[in-house]
Amino acid sequence: MTTNLVTLYPDEALYAALDVFDQTEHDVLPVVCRGRDRAWLGMLSRGQVASTLRSAMERVGRTVAREHAGLKALQTDMRVEQLLLTMPAEDVKIQRLFVPIDAVGKTLRECGFRGRYNADVIAIEEPDGSIQCPPPIDTALKTEQRLLAVVHRTIEEVS
């Protein structure tokens, strides 16, 4: 028997229990009530603590990943809004467009957006939410991209 028995209390944080395991190098420790009688409640193992903390960290990681995805989408939308605010509203309209099917695989230079669509592409939004502004004019367009374009109004639309 030992006179210097190391114990844990049920209200201690798991990190505190982990510290006790590290200091004592025990693999299992008794859990006792606080107070004079220190009644035995059970045993806690180093593996149980590690497993519980690992599970908690995985849950935190999943939550952070979900929040990060939401924040990234919000950040992208804010960038787009800032870009749209820089454009005059009287004679032009900014639109987020799908890449036209006849433009897929072609570069912006090859497509001639102004002549064919009465629009100037000012940015390309990638599937991951990143925005290339100014857009690369010699890189082939892909179906999963979105184009931010200044769509010029026709004379009929203005009057």
N, C-alpha and C. Protein backbone atom coordinates (compact mmCIF):
# COMPACT_ATOMS: atom_id res chain seq x y z
N MET A 1 0.85 -1.18 0.00
CA MET A 1 0.00 0.00 0.00
C MET A 1 0.89 1.23 0.00
N THR A 2 0.33 2.30 -0.52
CA THR A 2 1.07 3.55 -0.57
C THR A 2 0.47 4.56 0.39
N THR A 3 1.30 5.39 0.96
CA THR A 3 0.81 6.43 1.86
C THR A 3 0.55 7.72 1.10
N ASN A 4 1.10 7.85 -0.09
CA ASN A 4 0.93 9.06 -0.89
C ASN A 4 0.07 8.72 -2.11
N LEU A 5 -1.20 8.42 -1.87
CA LEU A 5 -2.11 8.00 -2.92
C LEU A 5 -2.53 9.21 -3.76
N VAL A 6 -2.34 9.11 -5.06
CA VAL A 6 -2.76 10.17 -5.99
C VAL A 6 -4.17 9.83 -6.46
N THR A 7 -5.07 10.79 -6.30
CA THR A 7 -6.47 10.56 -6.68
C THR A 7 -6.97 11.71 -7.55
N LEU A 8 -8.12 11.47 -8.14
CA LEU A 8 -8.81 12.50 -8.91
C LEU A 8 -10.18 12.73 -8.29
N TYR A 9 -10.74 13.91 -8.52
CA TYR A 9 -12.08 14.24 -8.04
C TYR A 9 -13.02 14.32 -9.25
N PRO A 10 -14.28 14.01 -9.05
CA PRO A 10 -15.21 13.97 -10.19
C PRO A 10 -15.46 15.33 -10.83
N ASP A 11 -15.20 16.42 -10.12
CA ASP A 11 -15.45 17.74 -10.67
C ASP A 11 -14.22 18.36 -11.34
N GLU A 12 -13.12 17.61 -11.43
CA GLU A 12 -11.92 18.12 -12.07
C GLU A 12 -12.05 18.07 -13.59
N ALA A 13 -11.47 19.05 -14.26
CA ALA A 13 -11.49 19.08 -15.72
C ALA A 13 -10.61 17.95 -16.26
N LEU A 14 -10.95 17.50 -17.47
CA LEU A 14 -10.17 16.42 -18.08
C LEU A 14 -8.71 16.83 -18.28
N TYR A 15 -8.49 18.09 -18.59
CA TYR A 15 -7.11 18.54 -18.78
C TYR A 15 -6.32 18.46 -17.47
N ALA A 16 -6.99 18.72 -16.35
CA ALA A 16 -6.33 18.59 -15.05
C ALA A 16 -5.99 17.13 -14.79
N ALA A 17 -6.92 16.23 -15.13
CA ALA A 17 -6.66 14.79 -14.97
C ALA A 17 -5.49 14.37 -15.85
N LEU A 18 -5.45 14.89 -17.05
CA LEU A 18 -4.34 14.56 -17.96
C LEU A 18 -3.01 15.03 -17.38
N ASP A 19 -3.01 16.21 -16.77
CA ASP A 19 -1.79 16.71 -16.11
C ASP A 19 -1.35 15.76 -14.99
N VAL A 20 -2.31 15.28 -14.20
CA VAL A 20 -1.99 14.35 -13.11
C VAL A 20 -1.39 13.08 -13.68
N PHE A 21 -1.98 12.55 -14.76
CA PHE A 21 -1.43 11.35 -15.40
C PHE A 21 0.00 11.60 -15.87
N ASP A 22 0.25 12.75 -16.45
CA ASP A 22 1.60 13.06 -16.93
C ASP A 22 2.61 13.18 -15.80
N GLN A 23 2.19 13.78 -14.68
CA GLN A 23 3.10 13.97 -13.54
C GLN A 23 3.41 12.67 -12.82
N THR A 24 2.45 11.77 -12.79
CA THR A 24 2.62 10.55 -12.00
C THR A 24 3.03 9.34 -12.83
N GLU A 25 2.82 9.43 -14.12
CA GLU A 25 3.10 8.33 -15.05
C GLU A 25 2.26 7.09 -14.77
N HIS A 26 1.12 7.27 -14.07
CA HIS A 26 0.17 6.17 -13.86
C HIS A 26 -0.71 6.03 -15.10
N ASP A 27 -1.23 4.84 -15.32
CA ASP A 27 -2.17 4.61 -16.42
C ASP A 27 -3.61 4.62 -15.94
N VAL A 28 -3.82 4.41 -14.64
CA VAL A 28 -5.16 4.39 -14.05
C VAL A 28 -5.08 5.07 -12.68
N LEU A 29 -6.09 5.91 -12.38
CA LEU A 29 -6.13 6.59 -11.08
C LEU A 29 -7.54 6.47 -10.48
N PRO A 30 -7.60 6.36 -9.16
CA PRO A 30 -8.92 6.31 -8.52
C PRO A 30 -9.58 7.69 -8.48
N VAL A 31 -10.90 7.68 -8.62
CA VAL A 31 -11.69 8.91 -8.50
C VAL A 31 -12.43 8.80 -7.16
N VAL A 32 -12.26 9.84 -6.32
CA VAL A 32 -12.86 9.83 -4.97
C VAL A 32 -13.65 11.11 -4.74
N CYS A 33 -14.56 11.04 -3.77
CA CYS A 33 -15.33 12.22 -3.36
C CYS A 33 -14.43 13.18 -2.60
N ARG A 34 -14.74 14.45 -2.73
CA ARG A 34 -14.06 15.43 -1.88
C ARG A 34 -14.62 15.29 -0.47
N GLY A 35 -13.87 15.67 0.49
CA GLY A 35 -14.35 15.60 1.87
C GLY A 35 -13.53 14.66 2.70
N ARG A 36 -13.98 14.51 3.90
CA ARG A 36 -13.23 13.75 4.88
C ARG A 36 -13.16 12.26 4.57
N ASP A 37 -14.27 11.68 4.11
CA ASP A 37 -14.26 10.21 3.91
C ASP A 37 -13.64 9.80 2.58
N ARG A 38 -13.56 10.71 1.61
CA ARG A 38 -12.96 10.43 0.29
C ARG A 38 -13.45 9.09 -0.26
N ALA A 39 -14.76 8.94 -0.30
CA ALA A 39 -15.36 7.69 -0.77
C ALA A 39 -14.95 7.41 -2.22
N TRP A 40 -14.67 6.16 -2.48
CA TRP A 40 -14.22 5.72 -3.80
C TRP A 40 -15.42 5.72 -4.75
N LEU A 41 -15.25 6.35 -5.96
CA LEU A 41 -16.32 6.41 -6.94
C LEU A 41 -16.04 5.54 -8.16
N GLY A 42 -14.78 5.34 -8.44
CA GLY A 42 -14.43 4.54 -9.60
C GLY A 42 -13.00 4.78 -10.03
N MET A 43 -12.67 4.29 -11.21
CA MET A 43 -11.32 4.43 -11.74
C MET A 43 -11.39 5.16 -13.08
N LEU A 44 -10.36 5.94 -13.35
CA LEU A 44 -10.26 6.66 -14.62
C LEU A 44 -8.92 6.31 -15.25
N SER A 45 -8.96 5.94 -16.52
CA SER A 45 -7.71 5.57 -17.18
C SER A 45 -7.22 6.70 -18.08
N ARG A 46 -5.94 6.68 -18.30
CA ARG A 46 -5.30 7.64 -19.21
C ARG A 46 -5.94 7.52 -20.60
N GLY A 47 -6.21 6.30 -21.03
CA GLY A 47 -6.82 6.07 -22.34
C GLY A 47 -8.21 6.67 -22.46
N GLN A 48 -9.01 6.57 -21.37
CA GLN A 48 -10.35 7.17 -21.38
C GLN A 48 -10.26 8.69 -21.53
N VAL A 49 -9.33 9.29 -20.81
CA VAL A 49 -9.16 10.74 -20.89
C VAL A 49 -8.74 11.14 -22.30
N ALA A 50 -7.75 10.45 -22.84
CA ALA A 50 -7.27 10.77 -24.19
C ALA A 50 -8.37 10.58 -25.23
N SER A 51 -9.13 9.52 -25.12
CA SER A 51 -10.22 9.26 -26.06
C SER A 51 -11.30 10.34 -25.98
N THR A 52 -11.66 10.73 -24.77
CA THR A 52 -12.68 11.77 -24.59
C THR A 52 -12.20 13.10 -25.15
N LEU A 53 -10.95 13.45 -24.86
CA LEU A 53 -10.40 14.71 -25.37
C LEU A 53 -10.28 14.68 -26.90
N ARG A 54 -9.88 13.55 -27.44
CA ARG A 54 -9.78 13.40 -28.90
C ARG A 54 -11.15 13.60 -29.55
N SER A 55 -12.18 12.99 -28.98
CA SER A 55 -13.54 13.15 -29.50
C SER A 55 -13.99 14.61 -29.43
N ALA A 56 -13.70 15.25 -28.31
CA ALA A 56 -14.07 16.66 -28.15
C ALA A 56 -13.35 17.53 -29.19
N MET A 57 -12.08 17.26 -29.41
CA MET A 57 -11.32 18.03 -30.40
C MET A 57 -11.84 17.79 -31.81
N GLU A 58 -12.26 16.58 -32.11
CA GLU A 58 -12.84 16.30 -33.43
C GLU A 58 -14.14 17.08 -33.61
N ARG A 59 -14.98 17.14 -32.56
CA ARG A 59 -16.21 17.92 -32.65
C ARG A 59 -15.90 19.40 -32.86
N VAL A 60 -14.91 19.90 -32.12
CA VAL A 60 -14.51 21.31 -32.28
C VAL A 60 -14.00 21.53 -33.70
N GLY A 61 -13.21 20.61 -34.20
CA GLY A 61 -12.68 20.73 -35.56
C GLY A 61 -13.79 20.77 -36.60
N ARG A 62 -14.81 19.92 -36.44
CA ARG A 62 -15.94 19.93 -37.38
C ARG A 62 -16.69 21.26 -37.30
N THR A 63 -16.88 21.76 -36.09
CA THR A 63 -17.57 23.04 -35.91
C THR A 63 -16.78 24.17 -36.55
N VAL A 64 -15.48 24.19 -36.31
CA VAL A 64 -14.63 25.23 -36.89
C VAL A 64 -14.67 25.15 -38.42
N ALA A 65 -14.63 23.95 -38.97
CA ALA A 65 -14.67 23.79 -40.43
C ALA A 65 -15.98 24.33 -40.99
N ARG A 66 -17.11 24.03 -40.32
CA ARG A 66 -18.40 24.56 -40.78
C ARG A 66 -18.42 26.08 -40.71
N GLU A 67 -17.93 26.63 -39.60
CA GLU A 67 -17.91 28.08 -39.45
C GLU A 67 -16.96 28.71 -40.45
N HIS A 68 -15.83 28.07 -40.70
CA HIS A 68 -14.88 28.60 -41.68
C HIS A 68 -15.50 28.66 -43.07
N ALA A 69 -16.23 27.61 -43.44
CA ALA A 69 -16.87 27.59 -44.76
C ALA A 69 -17.89 28.72 -44.85
N GLY A 70 -18.66 28.92 -43.78
CA GLY A 70 -19.63 30.01 -43.78
C GLY A 70 -18.97 31.38 -43.84
N LEU A 71 -17.90 31.54 -43.08
CA LEU A 71 -17.18 32.81 -43.10
C LEU A 71 -16.53 33.06 -44.45
N LYS A 72 -16.02 32.01 -45.07
CA LYS A 72 -15.39 32.16 -46.38
C LYS A 72 -16.41 32.59 -47.42
N ALA A 73 -17.61 31.99 -47.37
CA ALA A 73 -18.67 32.39 -48.30
C ALA A 73 -19.07 33.85 -48.06
N LEU A 74 -19.18 34.23 -46.78
CA LEU A 74 -19.52 35.61 -46.45
C LEU A 74 -18.44 36.57 -46.93
N GLN A 75 -17.19 36.20 -46.75
CA GLN A 75 -16.08 37.04 -47.19
C GLN A 75 -16.11 37.22 -48.71
N THR A 76 -16.41 36.16 -49.43
CA THR A 76 -16.50 36.24 -50.89
C THR A 76 -17.62 37.19 -51.29
N ASP A 77 -18.78 37.03 -50.67
CA ASP A 77 -19.90 37.91 -50.99
C ASP A 77 -19.57 39.36 -50.68
N MET A 78 -18.85 39.60 -49.57
CA MET A 78 -18.47 40.97 -49.23
C MET A 78 -17.51 41.54 -50.26
N ARG A 79 -16.56 40.72 -50.75
CA ARG A 79 -15.64 41.19 -51.78
C ARG A 79 -16.39 41.56 -53.06
N VAL A 80 -17.34 40.70 -53.42
CA VAL A 80 -18.14 40.97 -54.62
C VAL A 80 -18.93 42.26 -54.44
N GLU A 81 -19.55 42.43 -53.26
CA GLU A 81 -20.31 43.65 -53.00
C GLU A 81 -19.42 44.88 -53.08
N GLN A 82 -18.21 44.80 -52.53
CA GLN A 82 -17.29 45.93 -52.61
C GLN A 82 -16.93 46.25 -54.06
N LEU A 83 -16.73 45.21 -54.84
CA LEU A 83 -16.42 45.40 -56.25
C LEU A 83 -17.60 46.05 -56.97
N LEU A 84 -18.79 45.62 -56.65
CA LEU A 84 -19.97 46.18 -57.30
C LEU A 84 -20.21 47.63 -56.91
N LEU A 85 -19.84 47.99 -55.68
CA LEU A 85 -20.03 49.36 -55.23
C LEU A 85 -19.12 50.35 -55.95
N THR A 86 -18.04 49.88 -56.52
CA THR A 86 -17.11 50.78 -57.19
C THR A 86 -17.58 51.18 -58.59
N MET A 87 -18.62 50.54 -59.08
CA MET A 87 -19.07 50.79 -60.45
C MET A 87 -20.20 51.82 -60.45
N PRO A 88 -20.21 52.71 -61.47
CA PRO A 88 -21.31 53.67 -61.58
C PRO A 88 -22.61 52.95 -61.93
N ALA A 89 -23.71 53.40 -61.35
CA ALA A 89 -24.98 52.69 -61.52
C ALA A 89 -25.83 53.23 -62.66
N GLU A 90 -25.49 54.39 -63.21
CA GLU A 90 -26.38 55.01 -64.19
C GLU A 90 -26.46 54.25 -65.51
N ASP A 91 -25.33 53.91 -66.09
CA ASP A 91 -25.36 53.35 -67.44
C ASP A 91 -24.84 51.92 -67.54
N VAL A 92 -24.50 51.32 -66.42
CA VAL A 92 -24.02 49.94 -66.46
C VAL A 92 -24.70 49.13 -65.36
N LYS A 93 -24.69 47.82 -65.55
CA LYS A 93 -25.26 46.91 -64.58
C LYS A 93 -24.22 45.81 -64.35
N ILE A 94 -23.95 45.48 -63.08
CA ILE A 94 -23.01 44.42 -62.75
C ILE A 94 -23.81 43.15 -62.53
N GLN A 95 -23.35 42.06 -63.12
CA GLN A 95 -24.04 40.78 -62.94
C GLN A 95 -23.03 39.68 -62.70
N ARG A 96 -23.47 38.70 -61.94
CA ARG A 96 -22.70 37.47 -61.73
C ARG A 96 -23.28 36.47 -62.72
N LEU A 97 -22.46 36.00 -63.65
CA LEU A 97 -22.94 35.16 -64.75
C LEU A 97 -22.27 33.79 -64.74
N PHE A 98 -23.01 32.80 -65.23
CA PHE A 98 -22.39 31.51 -65.53
C PHE A 98 -21.54 31.71 -66.78
N VAL A 99 -20.51 30.90 -66.93
CA VAL A 99 -19.70 30.95 -68.16
C VAL A 99 -20.58 30.41 -69.29
N PRO A 100 -20.79 31.20 -70.33
CA PRO A 100 -21.61 30.71 -71.45
C PRO A 100 -21.02 29.42 -72.03
N ILE A 101 -21.88 28.52 -72.45
CA ILE A 101 -21.43 27.21 -72.92
C ILE A 101 -20.47 27.35 -74.10
N ASP A 102 -20.71 28.34 -74.95
CA ASP A 102 -19.82 28.51 -76.10
C ASP A 102 -18.49 29.17 -75.73
N ALA A 103 -18.35 29.60 -74.47
CA ALA A 103 -17.09 30.21 -74.02
C ALA A 103 -16.24 29.23 -73.21
N VAL A 104 -16.81 28.09 -72.81
CA VAL A 104 -16.07 27.11 -72.02
C VAL A 104 -14.88 26.59 -72.84
N GLY A 105 -13.71 26.62 -72.23
CA GLY A 105 -12.50 26.15 -72.90
C GLY A 105 -11.78 27.25 -73.67
N LYS A 106 -12.41 28.39 -73.81
CA LYS A 106 -11.80 29.53 -74.50
C LYS A 106 -11.31 30.54 -73.46
N THR A 107 -10.43 31.42 -73.88
CA THR A 107 -9.95 32.48 -72.99
C THR A 107 -10.84 33.69 -73.15
N LEU A 108 -10.74 34.62 -72.19
CA LEU A 108 -11.51 35.86 -72.31
C LEU A 108 -11.11 36.61 -73.59
N ARG A 109 -9.85 36.55 -73.92
CA ARG A 109 -9.36 37.22 -75.14
C ARG A 109 -10.05 36.63 -76.38
N GLU A 110 -10.19 35.31 -76.40
CA GLU A 110 -10.80 34.64 -77.55
C GLU A 110 -12.31 34.85 -77.64
N CYS A 111 -12.96 35.05 -76.49
CA CYS A 111 -14.42 35.11 -76.46
C CYS A 111 -15.01 36.41 -77.00
N GLY A 112 -14.32 37.51 -76.83
CA GLY A 112 -14.86 38.79 -77.28
C GLY A 112 -16.18 39.12 -76.59
N PHE A 113 -16.16 39.15 -75.28
CA PHE A 113 -17.40 39.36 -74.51
C PHE A 113 -18.10 40.67 -74.84
N ARG A 114 -17.35 41.72 -75.10
CA ARG A 114 -18.00 43.00 -75.37
C ARG A 114 -18.83 42.93 -76.64
N GLY A 115 -18.26 42.37 -77.69
CA GLY A 115 -18.99 42.28 -78.96
C GLY A 115 -20.13 41.27 -78.92
N ARG A 116 -19.90 40.13 -78.29
CA ARG A 116 -20.91 39.05 -78.30
C ARG A 116 -21.98 39.22 -77.24
N TYR A 117 -21.61 39.73 -76.08
CA TYR A 117 -22.55 39.77 -74.96
C TYR A 117 -22.79 41.19 -74.43
N ASN A 118 -22.17 42.18 -75.05
CA ASN A 118 -22.28 43.58 -74.60
C ASN A 118 -21.87 43.70 -73.14
N ALA A 119 -20.78 42.99 -72.77
CA ALA A 119 -20.34 42.95 -71.37
C ALA A 119 -18.81 42.91 -71.31
N ASP A 120 -18.29 43.44 -70.21
CA ASP A 120 -16.86 43.36 -69.91
C ASP A 120 -16.70 42.57 -68.61
N VAL A 121 -15.91 41.51 -68.66
CA VAL A 121 -15.66 40.69 -67.48
C VAL A 121 -14.63 41.43 -66.61
N ILE A 122 -15.01 41.69 -65.36
CA ILE A 122 -14.11 42.41 -64.46
C ILE A 122 -13.49 41.51 -63.40
N ALA A 123 -14.04 40.30 -63.26
CA ALA A 123 -13.49 39.36 -62.28
C ALA A 123 -14.02 37.97 -62.59
N ILE A 124 -13.28 36.97 -62.09
CA ILE A 124 -13.70 35.58 -62.20
C ILE A 124 -13.75 35.01 -60.79
N GLU A 125 -14.90 34.42 -60.46
CA GLU A 125 -15.06 33.78 -59.16
C GLU A 125 -14.85 32.28 -59.34
N GLU A 126 -13.90 31.74 -58.57
CA GLU A 126 -13.58 30.31 -58.63
C GLU A 126 -14.54 29.51 -57.75
N PRO A 127 -14.63 28.20 -57.95
CA PRO A 127 -15.53 27.38 -57.13
C PRO A 127 -15.23 27.46 -55.63
N ASP A 128 -13.97 27.71 -55.26
CA ASP A 128 -13.62 27.80 -53.84
C ASP A 128 -13.96 29.16 -53.23
N GLY A 129 -14.54 30.06 -54.05
CA GLY A 129 -14.93 31.37 -53.56
C GLY A 129 -13.90 32.45 -53.79
N SER A 130 -12.70 32.09 -54.21
CA SER A 130 -11.69 33.11 -54.47
C SER A 130 -12.07 33.89 -55.73
N ILE A 131 -11.64 35.14 -55.76
CA ILE A 131 -11.98 36.01 -56.88
C ILE A 131 -10.69 36.50 -57.51
N GLN A 132 -10.62 36.35 -58.81
CA GLN A 132 -9.46 36.85 -59.56
C GLN A 132 -9.87 38.17 -60.21
N CYS A 133 -9.29 39.24 -59.71
CA CYS A 133 -9.60 40.57 -60.23
C CYS A 133 -8.31 41.36 -60.29
N PRO A 134 -7.88 41.74 -61.44
CA PRO A 134 -8.50 41.54 -62.76
C PRO A 134 -8.41 40.08 -63.18
N PRO A 135 -9.29 39.68 -64.08
CA PRO A 135 -9.30 38.29 -64.51
C PRO A 135 -8.15 38.00 -65.47
N PRO A 136 -7.62 36.79 -65.45
CA PRO A 136 -6.58 36.44 -66.42
C PRO A 136 -7.23 36.30 -67.81
N ILE A 137 -6.72 37.02 -68.78
CA ILE A 137 -7.38 37.02 -70.09
C ILE A 137 -6.93 35.89 -70.99
N ASP A 138 -5.85 35.20 -70.62
CA ASP A 138 -5.35 34.12 -71.47
C ASP A 138 -5.46 32.74 -70.82
N THR A 139 -6.36 32.59 -69.86
CA THR A 139 -6.60 31.31 -69.21
C THR A 139 -7.98 30.81 -69.63
N ALA A 140 -8.07 29.53 -69.98
CA ALA A 140 -9.33 28.96 -70.45
C ALA A 140 -10.40 29.01 -69.36
N LEU A 141 -11.60 29.36 -69.76
CA LEU A 141 -12.73 29.42 -68.84
C LEU A 141 -13.30 28.03 -68.60
N LYS A 142 -13.84 27.84 -67.38
CA LYS A 142 -14.41 26.54 -66.99
C LYS A 142 -15.87 26.72 -66.58
N THR A 143 -16.63 25.66 -66.71
CA THR A 143 -18.07 25.74 -66.40
C THR A 143 -18.33 26.05 -64.94
N GLU A 144 -17.44 25.64 -64.03
CA GLU A 144 -17.70 25.85 -62.60
C GLU A 144 -17.35 27.27 -62.13
N GLN A 145 -16.79 28.08 -63.00
CA GLN A 145 -16.47 29.46 -62.65
C GLN A 145 -17.69 30.35 -62.84
N ARG A 146 -17.68 31.50 -62.16
CA ARG A 146 -18.70 32.53 -62.36
C ARG A 146 -17.98 33.79 -62.80
N LEU A 147 -18.60 34.52 -63.69
CA LEU A 147 -18.02 35.75 -64.20
C LEU A 147 -18.74 36.93 -63.58
N LEU A 148 -17.97 37.90 -63.13
CA LEU A 148 -18.54 39.18 -62.71
C LEU A 148 -18.32 40.11 -63.89
N ALA A 149 -19.41 40.60 -64.43
CA ALA A 149 -19.30 41.37 -65.66
C ALA A 149 -20.08 42.67 -65.57
N VAL A 150 -19.52 43.69 -66.21
CA VAL A 150 -20.22 44.94 -66.40
C VAL A 150 -21.04 44.75 -67.68
N VAL A 151 -22.34 44.72 -67.52
CA VAL A 151 -23.22 44.56 -68.67
C VAL A 151 -23.69 45.94 -69.08
N HIS A 152 -23.31 46.33 -70.28
CA HIS A 152 -23.65 47.67 -70.78
C HIS A 152 -25.08 47.66 -71.30
N ARG A 153 -25.80 48.67 -70.94
CA ARG A 153 -27.19 48.76 -71.38
C ARG A 153 -27.23 49.22 -72.84
N THR A 154 -28.24 48.75 -73.51
CA THR A 154 -28.43 49.20 -74.89
C THR A 154 -29.16 50.52 -74.88
N ILE A 155 -29.22 51.17 -76.02
CA ILE A 155 -29.92 52.46 -76.12
C ILE A 155 -31.39 52.30 -75.74
N GLU A 156 -31.99 51.17 -76.13
CA GLU A 156 -33.39 50.93 -75.78
C GLU A 156 -33.60 50.83 -74.27
N GLU A 157 -32.65 50.23 -73.54
CA GLU A 157 -32.78 50.07 -72.10
C GLU A 157 -32.62 51.39 -71.38
N VAL A 158 -31.77 52.29 -71.90
CA VAL A 158 -31.52 53.58 -71.26
C VAL A 158 -32.73 54.49 -71.40
N SER A 159 -33.39 54.47 -72.57
CA SER A 159 -34.53 55.39 -72.78
C SER A 159 -35.84 54.82 -72.35
